Protein backbone atom coordinates (compact mmCIF):
# COMPACT_ATOMS: atom_id res chain seq x y z
CA MET A 1 118.00 106.77 107.78
CA ILE A 2 116.15 108.20 110.74
CA CYS A 3 117.23 108.23 114.40
CA ILE A 4 114.53 106.49 116.45
CA ASN A 5 115.82 107.87 119.75
CA CYS A 6 116.10 111.47 118.51
CA LEU A 7 112.46 111.52 117.38
CA HIS A 8 111.24 109.49 120.40
CA ILE A 9 109.29 107.07 118.20
CA SER A 10 110.53 103.72 119.52
CA LEU A 11 107.04 102.75 120.72
CA ASN A 12 105.51 103.95 117.44
CA ARG A 13 107.99 101.74 115.61
CA ILE A 14 106.99 98.70 117.67
CA LEU A 15 103.28 99.31 117.03
CA LEU A 16 103.82 99.73 113.29
CA LEU A 17 106.05 96.65 113.13
CA THR A 18 103.29 94.66 114.84
CA VAL A 19 100.91 95.29 111.93
CA GLY A 20 103.57 95.37 109.20
CA LEU A 21 103.31 99.10 108.47
CA TRP A 22 106.79 100.23 109.51
CA PRO A 23 108.14 101.84 106.31
CA TYR A 24 111.66 100.44 106.70
CA GLN A 25 112.80 96.83 106.29
CA GLN A 26 109.87 95.88 104.06
CA SER A 27 110.94 92.29 103.44
CA LYS A 28 108.99 89.51 101.73
CA LEU A 29 107.90 88.25 105.14
CA VAL A 30 106.42 91.67 105.93
CA ARG A 31 104.54 91.63 102.62
CA VAL A 32 103.08 88.25 103.55
CA GLN A 33 102.09 89.78 106.88
CA LEU A 34 100.32 92.61 105.04
CA VAL A 35 98.37 90.20 102.84
CA LEU A 36 97.44 87.99 105.81
CA SER A 37 96.33 91.00 107.87
CA LEU A 38 94.18 92.31 105.05
CA ALA A 39 92.64 88.86 104.62
CA ILE A 40 91.77 88.65 108.33
CA LEU A 41 90.13 92.08 108.35
CA MET A 42 88.21 91.59 105.09
CA THR A 43 86.94 88.10 105.92
CA PHE A 44 85.73 89.25 109.34
CA ILE A 45 83.72 92.02 107.67
CA ILE A 46 82.32 89.58 105.12
CA PHE A 47 81.25 87.10 107.82
CA GLN A 48 79.30 89.87 109.51
CA PHE A 49 77.31 90.63 106.36
CA THR A 50 76.70 86.95 105.52
CA ILE A 51 74.28 86.79 108.44
CA PHE A 52 71.74 88.37 106.09
CA VAL A 53 71.90 85.17 104.01
CA THR A 54 70.61 82.96 106.82
CA SER A 55 68.53 85.45 108.83
CA LYS A 56 65.60 87.68 108.00
CA CYS A 57 66.70 91.27 107.46
CA THR A 58 64.94 93.26 110.16
CA PRO A 59 65.68 96.87 111.17
CA ASP A 60 67.21 95.70 114.46
CA LEU A 61 69.45 93.16 112.73
CA PHE A 62 70.48 95.73 110.14
CA ILE A 63 71.48 98.24 112.83
CA ASN A 64 73.33 95.62 114.91
CA VAL A 65 75.35 94.41 111.95
CA PHE A 66 76.16 97.80 110.42
CA SER A 67 77.07 99.43 113.75
CA SER A 68 79.86 96.89 114.31
CA ALA A 69 80.79 96.31 110.66
CA SER A 70 81.30 100.04 110.04
CA VAL A 71 83.99 100.11 112.75
CA CYS A 72 85.75 97.17 111.10
CA ILE A 73 85.48 99.01 107.78
CA PHE A 74 87.04 101.98 109.60
CA PHE A 75 89.99 99.74 110.54
CA LEU A 76 90.26 98.31 107.03
CA ILE A 77 90.33 101.76 105.38
CA LYS A 78 93.19 102.83 107.61
CA TYR A 79 95.16 99.68 107.02
CA ILE A 80 94.77 99.73 103.24
CA TRP A 81 95.61 103.42 102.93
CA PHE A 82 98.74 103.18 105.03
CA SER A 83 99.93 100.02 103.29
CA ILE A 84 99.54 101.79 99.94
CA ASN A 85 101.34 104.93 101.16
CA ILE A 86 104.30 103.29 102.90
CA GLU A 87 106.70 105.47 100.90
CA VAL A 88 104.84 108.62 101.96
CA ILE A 89 105.22 107.63 105.63
CA LYS A 90 108.92 107.02 105.05
CA TYR A 91 109.32 110.36 103.27
CA LEU A 92 107.65 112.29 106.11
CA LEU A 93 109.86 110.63 108.73
CA GLU A 94 112.96 111.47 106.72
CA GLN A 95 111.79 115.06 106.28
CA LEU A 96 111.33 115.28 110.03
CA GLN A 97 114.83 113.92 110.59
CA ASN A 98 116.29 116.42 108.11
CA ILE A 99 114.59 119.30 109.91
CA TYR A 100 115.90 118.01 113.23
CA ASN A 101 119.46 117.67 111.85
CA LYS A 102 119.49 121.31 110.71
CA LEU A 103 118.93 122.62 114.23
CA THR A 104 122.10 123.92 115.89
CA ASP A 105 120.77 126.09 118.71
CA GLU A 106 120.45 124.12 121.96
CA ASN A 107 117.21 125.90 122.88
CA GLU A 108 115.67 124.99 119.54
CA ILE A 109 116.73 121.36 119.97
CA SER A 110 115.20 121.33 123.45
CA ILE A 111 111.94 122.72 122.01
CA MET A 112 111.75 119.88 119.47
CA GLN A 113 112.57 117.33 122.17
CA GLU A 114 109.81 118.77 124.34
CA TYR A 115 107.22 118.29 121.60
CA SER A 116 108.64 114.84 120.82
CA ASN A 117 107.98 113.94 124.45
CA TYR A 118 104.39 115.19 124.10
CA ALA A 119 103.87 112.81 121.18
CA LYS A 120 105.49 109.99 123.13
CA ARG A 121 103.13 110.54 126.07
CA TYR A 122 100.10 110.41 123.78
CA THR A 123 101.38 107.14 122.32
CA ILE A 124 101.97 105.60 125.75
CA ALA A 125 98.56 106.72 127.04
CA LEU A 126 96.62 105.30 124.08
CA THR A 127 98.62 102.07 124.16
CA LEU A 128 97.94 101.63 127.87
CA LEU A 129 94.24 102.25 127.24
CA PHE A 130 94.24 99.42 124.70
CA ILE A 131 96.15 97.14 127.08
CA CYS A 132 93.53 97.79 129.78
CA VAL A 133 90.46 97.34 127.57
CA ALA A 134 91.59 94.32 125.51
CA PRO A 135 91.71 91.79 128.40
CA VAL A 136 88.28 92.96 129.59
CA SER A 137 86.70 92.13 126.23
CA ILE A 138 88.31 88.69 126.19
CA ILE A 139 87.28 87.89 129.77
CA TYR A 140 83.77 89.11 129.00
CA SER A 141 83.42 86.65 126.12
CA PHE A 142 84.57 83.76 128.29
CA TRP A 143 82.76 84.89 131.43
CA PRO A 144 79.82 82.37 131.36
CA TYR A 145 82.32 79.56 130.88
CA LEU A 146 84.59 80.84 133.67
CA TYR A 147 81.61 81.56 135.92
CA ASN A 148 80.51 77.92 135.85
CA ILE A 149 84.05 76.72 136.57
CA ILE A 150 84.62 79.15 139.46
CA LEU A 151 81.32 78.30 141.17
CA SER A 152 81.54 74.59 140.26
CA ILE A 153 78.00 74.58 138.92
CA ASN A 154 76.83 71.12 137.88
CA GLU A 155 75.18 72.29 134.70
CA PRO A 156 76.10 72.00 131.05
CA GLN A 157 79.04 74.34 130.63
CA SER A 158 78.28 77.46 128.69
CA HIS A 159 80.42 78.05 125.65
CA PRO A 160 82.27 81.32 125.14
CA ARG A 161 80.32 83.60 122.86
CA LEU A 162 81.19 86.27 120.35
CA LEU A 163 79.54 89.61 121.09
CA ILE A 164 79.41 90.56 117.38
CA LEU A 165 76.88 88.89 115.08
CA THR A 166 78.52 86.73 112.39
CA GLU A 167 77.65 83.80 110.13
CA HIS A 168 80.45 81.37 109.17
CA PHE A 169 78.22 78.58 107.72
CA ILE A 170 79.76 76.05 110.11
CA ASP A 171 78.80 74.52 113.45
CA GLU A 172 79.46 77.50 115.73
CA LYS A 173 79.44 75.40 118.92
CA LYS A 174 81.99 72.97 117.54
CA TYR A 175 84.30 75.60 116.09
CA VAL A 176 83.62 78.34 118.62
CA TYR A 177 87.28 78.77 119.52
CA LEU A 178 88.35 79.16 115.90
CA ILE A 179 85.60 81.73 115.37
CA LEU A 180 86.68 83.62 118.46
CA LEU A 181 90.34 83.47 117.38
CA HIS A 182 89.47 84.90 113.97
CA ALA A 183 87.26 87.63 115.46
CA TYR A 184 89.73 88.75 118.10
CA ALA A 185 92.62 88.61 115.65
CA ALA A 186 90.69 91.00 113.38
CA LEU A 187 89.64 93.30 116.22
CA PHE A 188 93.09 93.45 117.82
CA LEU A 189 94.73 93.95 114.44
CA GLY A 190 92.33 96.77 113.61
CA THR A 191 92.70 98.43 117.01
CA ILE A 192 96.51 98.28 116.93
CA THR A 193 96.41 99.68 113.40
CA LEU A 194 94.23 102.53 114.62
CA ILE A 195 96.60 103.29 117.51
CA ALA A 196 99.80 102.87 115.48
CA THR A 197 98.70 105.07 112.59
CA GLY A 198 96.90 107.60 114.77
CA THR A 199 99.87 108.09 117.08
CA LEU A 200 102.15 108.47 114.06
CA PHE A 201 99.99 111.38 112.92
CA ILE A 202 100.32 112.79 116.43
CA VAL A 203 104.12 112.55 116.06
CA TYR A 204 103.95 114.51 112.80
CA ILE A 205 101.62 117.16 114.20
CA GLN A 206 103.50 117.63 117.47
CA HIS A 207 106.78 118.12 115.61
CA ALA A 208 105.07 120.63 113.33
CA CYS A 209 103.91 122.49 116.46
CA GLY A 210 107.49 122.41 117.71
CA MET A 211 108.63 123.99 114.44
CA PHE A 212 106.09 126.81 114.87
CA ARG A 213 107.35 127.32 118.40
CA ILE A 214 110.91 127.59 117.07
CA VAL A 215 109.72 130.29 114.67
CA SER A 216 108.42 132.31 117.61
CA TYR A 217 111.69 131.75 119.45
CA ARG A 218 113.75 132.94 116.48
CA ILE A 219 111.68 136.08 116.09
CA GLU A 220 112.02 136.86 119.78
CA GLN A 221 115.77 136.34 119.60
CA ALA A 222 116.10 138.47 116.47
CA MET A 223 114.20 141.35 118.02
CA ALA A 224 115.72 141.23 121.49
CA VAL A 225 115.97 144.73 122.95
CA ASN A 226 119.68 144.57 123.64
CA THR A 227 120.33 143.67 119.99
CA LEU A 228 118.11 146.43 118.61
CA ARG A 229 119.90 149.15 120.49
CA LYS A 230 123.17 148.43 118.72
CA LYS A 231 123.61 150.33 115.49
CA LYS A 232 126.48 148.40 113.94
CA LEU A 233 125.92 147.08 110.43
CA GLN A 234 127.07 143.62 111.54
CA ASN A 235 124.31 143.48 114.14
CA LYS A 236 121.71 144.62 111.61
CA ASN A 237 122.80 141.84 109.25
CA SER A 238 122.48 139.40 112.13
CA ILE A 239 118.87 140.51 112.66
CA TYR A 240 118.14 140.06 108.95
CA LYS A 241 119.55 136.53 108.98
CA LYS A 242 117.59 135.53 112.07
CA LEU A 243 114.34 136.85 110.61
CA ILE A 244 115.06 135.07 107.34
CA HIS A 245 115.70 131.83 109.24
CA ALA A 246 112.45 132.34 111.14
CA VAL A 247 110.50 132.85 107.91
CA TYR A 248 112.16 129.78 106.38
CA MET A 249 111.25 127.62 109.39
CA HIS A 250 107.68 128.94 109.30
CA ARG A 251 107.40 127.94 105.66
CA GLU A 252 108.85 124.50 106.44
CA ALA A 253 106.42 124.05 109.34
CA MET A 254 103.40 124.86 107.17
CA ARG A 255 104.66 122.65 104.36
CA PHE A 256 105.33 119.72 106.68
CA ALA A 257 101.99 120.03 108.50
CA ASP A 258 100.12 120.15 105.20
CA SER A 259 102.13 117.25 103.75
CA SER A 260 101.29 115.06 106.74
CA VAL A 261 97.61 115.05 105.74
CA SER A 262 97.64 115.87 102.00
CA LYS A 263 98.16 112.25 100.87
CA PHE A 264 95.49 111.00 103.26
CA LYS A 265 92.63 113.40 102.53
CA VAL A 266 90.49 110.79 100.77
CA MET A 267 91.13 108.39 103.64
CA PHE A 268 89.98 110.99 106.18
CA VAL A 269 86.78 111.65 104.23
CA MET A 270 86.01 107.92 104.20
CA LEU A 271 86.82 107.67 107.91
CA ILE A 272 84.49 110.56 108.70
CA ILE A 273 81.63 108.83 106.87
CA ALA A 274 82.29 105.45 108.52
CA GLY A 275 82.74 107.07 111.94
CA ILE A 276 79.50 109.04 111.82
CA MET A 277 77.61 105.96 110.63
CA SER A 278 79.00 103.67 113.34
CA ALA A 279 78.56 106.24 116.14
CA SER A 280 74.94 107.08 115.27
CA LEU A 281 73.94 103.44 114.76
CA SER A 282 75.67 102.38 117.98
CA ALA A 283 73.96 105.13 119.98
CA PHE A 284 70.59 104.08 118.53
CA ARG A 285 71.39 100.46 119.29
CA ALA A 286 72.30 101.27 122.90
CA LEU A 287 69.18 103.32 123.66
CA THR A 288 66.67 101.01 122.01
CA MET A 289 67.88 97.82 123.67
CA ASP A 290 67.25 96.53 127.16
CA SER A 291 69.49 97.84 129.91
CA ASP A 292 71.54 94.65 129.76
CA PHE A 293 75.27 95.29 130.12
CA GLU A 294 76.06 92.44 127.76
CA LYS A 295 74.14 94.12 124.95
CA LEU A 296 75.48 97.58 125.76
CA PHE A 297 79.16 96.57 125.87
CA ILE A 298 79.83 96.61 122.11
CA PRO A 299 77.91 99.88 121.37
CA PHE A 300 79.72 101.55 124.27
CA ILE A 301 83.16 100.51 122.95
CA ILE A 302 82.27 101.66 119.41
CA ILE A 303 81.07 105.06 120.63
CA LEU A 304 84.20 105.43 122.78
CA ILE A 305 86.50 104.66 119.83
CA ASN A 306 84.76 107.17 117.56
CA PHE A 307 84.63 109.84 120.27
CA LEU A 308 88.33 109.54 121.14
CA TYR A 309 89.40 109.50 117.50
CA ALA A 310 87.31 112.54 116.59
CA VAL A 311 88.33 114.59 119.64
CA ILE A 312 92.05 113.74 119.66
CA GLY A 313 92.42 114.12 115.88
CA ASN A 314 90.69 117.49 115.79
CA TYR A 315 92.53 118.65 118.91
CA MET A 316 95.84 117.97 117.14
CA ALA A 317 94.67 120.02 114.15
CA GLN A 318 93.60 122.80 116.52
CA GLU A 319 97.10 122.73 118.05
CA VAL A 320 98.60 123.46 114.62
CA MET A 321 96.26 126.42 114.12
CA ASP A 322 96.99 127.79 117.60
CA HIS A 323 100.77 127.49 117.23
CA ASN A 324 100.63 129.20 113.85
CA ASN A 325 98.60 132.02 115.41
CA ASP A 326 101.11 132.24 118.26
CA VAL A 327 103.80 133.09 115.72
CA PHE A 328 101.95 136.23 114.68
CA VAL A 329 101.03 137.08 118.25
CA THR A 330 104.77 137.07 118.89
CA VAL A 331 105.31 139.38 115.90
CA TYR A 332 102.66 141.78 117.20
CA ASN A 333 104.12 141.81 120.72
CA ILE A 334 107.78 142.44 119.90
CA LYS A 335 109.12 146.00 120.06
CA TRP A 336 109.31 146.35 116.29
CA TYR A 337 109.09 150.15 116.52
CA THR A 338 112.61 150.29 118.01
CA ALA A 339 114.12 148.61 114.95
CA SER A 340 115.38 150.27 111.80
CA LEU A 341 113.03 151.09 108.93
CA LYS A 342 114.21 148.17 106.79
CA ILE A 343 113.59 145.69 109.60
CA GLN A 344 110.14 147.20 110.19
CA LYS A 345 109.33 146.54 106.52
CA MET A 346 110.33 142.90 106.95
CA ILE A 347 108.12 142.64 110.02
CA LEU A 348 105.26 144.19 108.05
CA PHE A 349 105.43 141.28 105.58
CA LEU A 350 105.18 138.86 108.51
CA LEU A 351 102.11 140.68 109.83
CA GLN A 352 100.48 140.56 106.39
CA ARG A 353 101.04 136.81 106.26
CA GLY A 354 99.26 136.55 109.60
CA THR A 355 96.01 137.71 108.00
CA LYS A 356 95.82 134.41 106.09
CA VAL A 357 94.39 131.53 108.10
CA PHE A 358 96.41 128.31 108.08
CA ASN A 359 94.60 125.09 108.95
CA LEU A 360 94.55 121.40 108.10
CA ASN A 361 91.88 121.17 105.43
CA ILE A 362 90.41 117.83 104.35
CA ALA A 363 89.65 118.05 100.64
CA GLY A 364 87.89 121.39 101.10
CA LEU A 365 85.06 119.63 102.96
CA PHE A 366 86.25 119.65 106.54
CA VAL A 367 88.64 121.75 108.64
CA GLY A 368 90.34 120.02 111.52
CA SER A 369 89.66 121.93 114.75
CA LEU A 370 87.74 121.66 117.99
CA GLU A 371 84.83 123.26 116.17
CA GLY A 372 85.16 120.51 113.58
CA ALA A 373 85.02 117.88 116.33
CA ALA A 374 81.82 119.48 117.64
CA THR A 375 80.42 119.42 114.10
CA LEU A 376 81.16 115.70 113.74
CA LEU A 377 79.55 114.90 117.08
CA SER A 378 76.48 117.01 116.33
CA THR A 379 76.15 115.34 112.91
CA ALA A 380 76.25 111.89 114.51
CA ILE A 381 73.66 113.00 117.07
CA SER A 382 71.47 114.37 114.26
CA TYR A 383 71.49 111.05 112.40
CA PHE A 384 70.77 109.25 115.66
CA THR A 385 67.82 111.58 116.30
CA VAL A 386 66.41 110.81 112.86
CA LEU A 387 66.73 107.08 113.45
CA TYR A 388 65.21 107.32 116.89
CA SER A 389 62.26 109.38 115.61
CA THR A 390 61.48 106.70 113.02
CA ARG A 391 61.57 104.09 115.79
CA MET A 392 59.03 106.04 117.86
């Protein structure tokens, strides 16, 4: 069993419980919640595509539908993949707890707590962003109705409207509130899923960075000048043990970082495709429409979601690469030449390992990094340029 307070994941637990993806306490009621959530997301996607049954398929309609539907597909992919890999999520949390339990040095524990706090801050910030944006979207849908009430206009009251095109094959004016309830349930469920799962990845990555930082700390401690100057055999054995512990932690850090994405590589490939599609279509939709805020609201939100996800996700992957490189910068900077010949040979093996690049690779197709984020954004812009050139 994991310690929620030790890992600073109490808010992550609440978010995952909200959508039924917390890996512990998977009761029958939670399974019903999973099925109901999947049904809400899938039916909302279907009702977006059914508009082609009753309306003529024009390029503008196609772009409007696919730009919003691709984001919902983005949500659905995440939800399905995490619900299938509940045991993997549980395993990674338990591995993280085991690593934490093995730490005995107070400085090493403080390092892990520091990186746990980083992950907690990311979770709080993204949750607060959702809390700020969600009411705005609801108020915006009801604004014509509220506007008439506030100003006491003696005109037929405007009904709330859904900003995403759908076709439910029912009287939309009569059942407008049910349609809105279904739509917002799907959107809020998808957004919370995105935040809950995304911040959980941030927890994994930040703890992996903390493990790399502990490696650097152990190497520095092993090669401290005052220790190297002592020639006793006992002190030499102490240096060997500390270097061995550093190498072991480095191996654990690489294994844990790679395991956190290895089971989700196919999911990330699908998310990249859906994200590029939705971002490029939304940008095209925004620039080819009138400068009406009502029509620009949905494309703006879609572009913002894709931008934040691409930048934050790739920044986390870049953090892993940088912390791994910091380990070998530490090895280069220590006064290895003052150590004995046997210790210098051990350090040589560490330096040789530093020549191999470690990164978070997605099925050999994509490397998570800031350069990768720039590649995704440029790809989306390229597709948008192609679409816009055909429009001209």
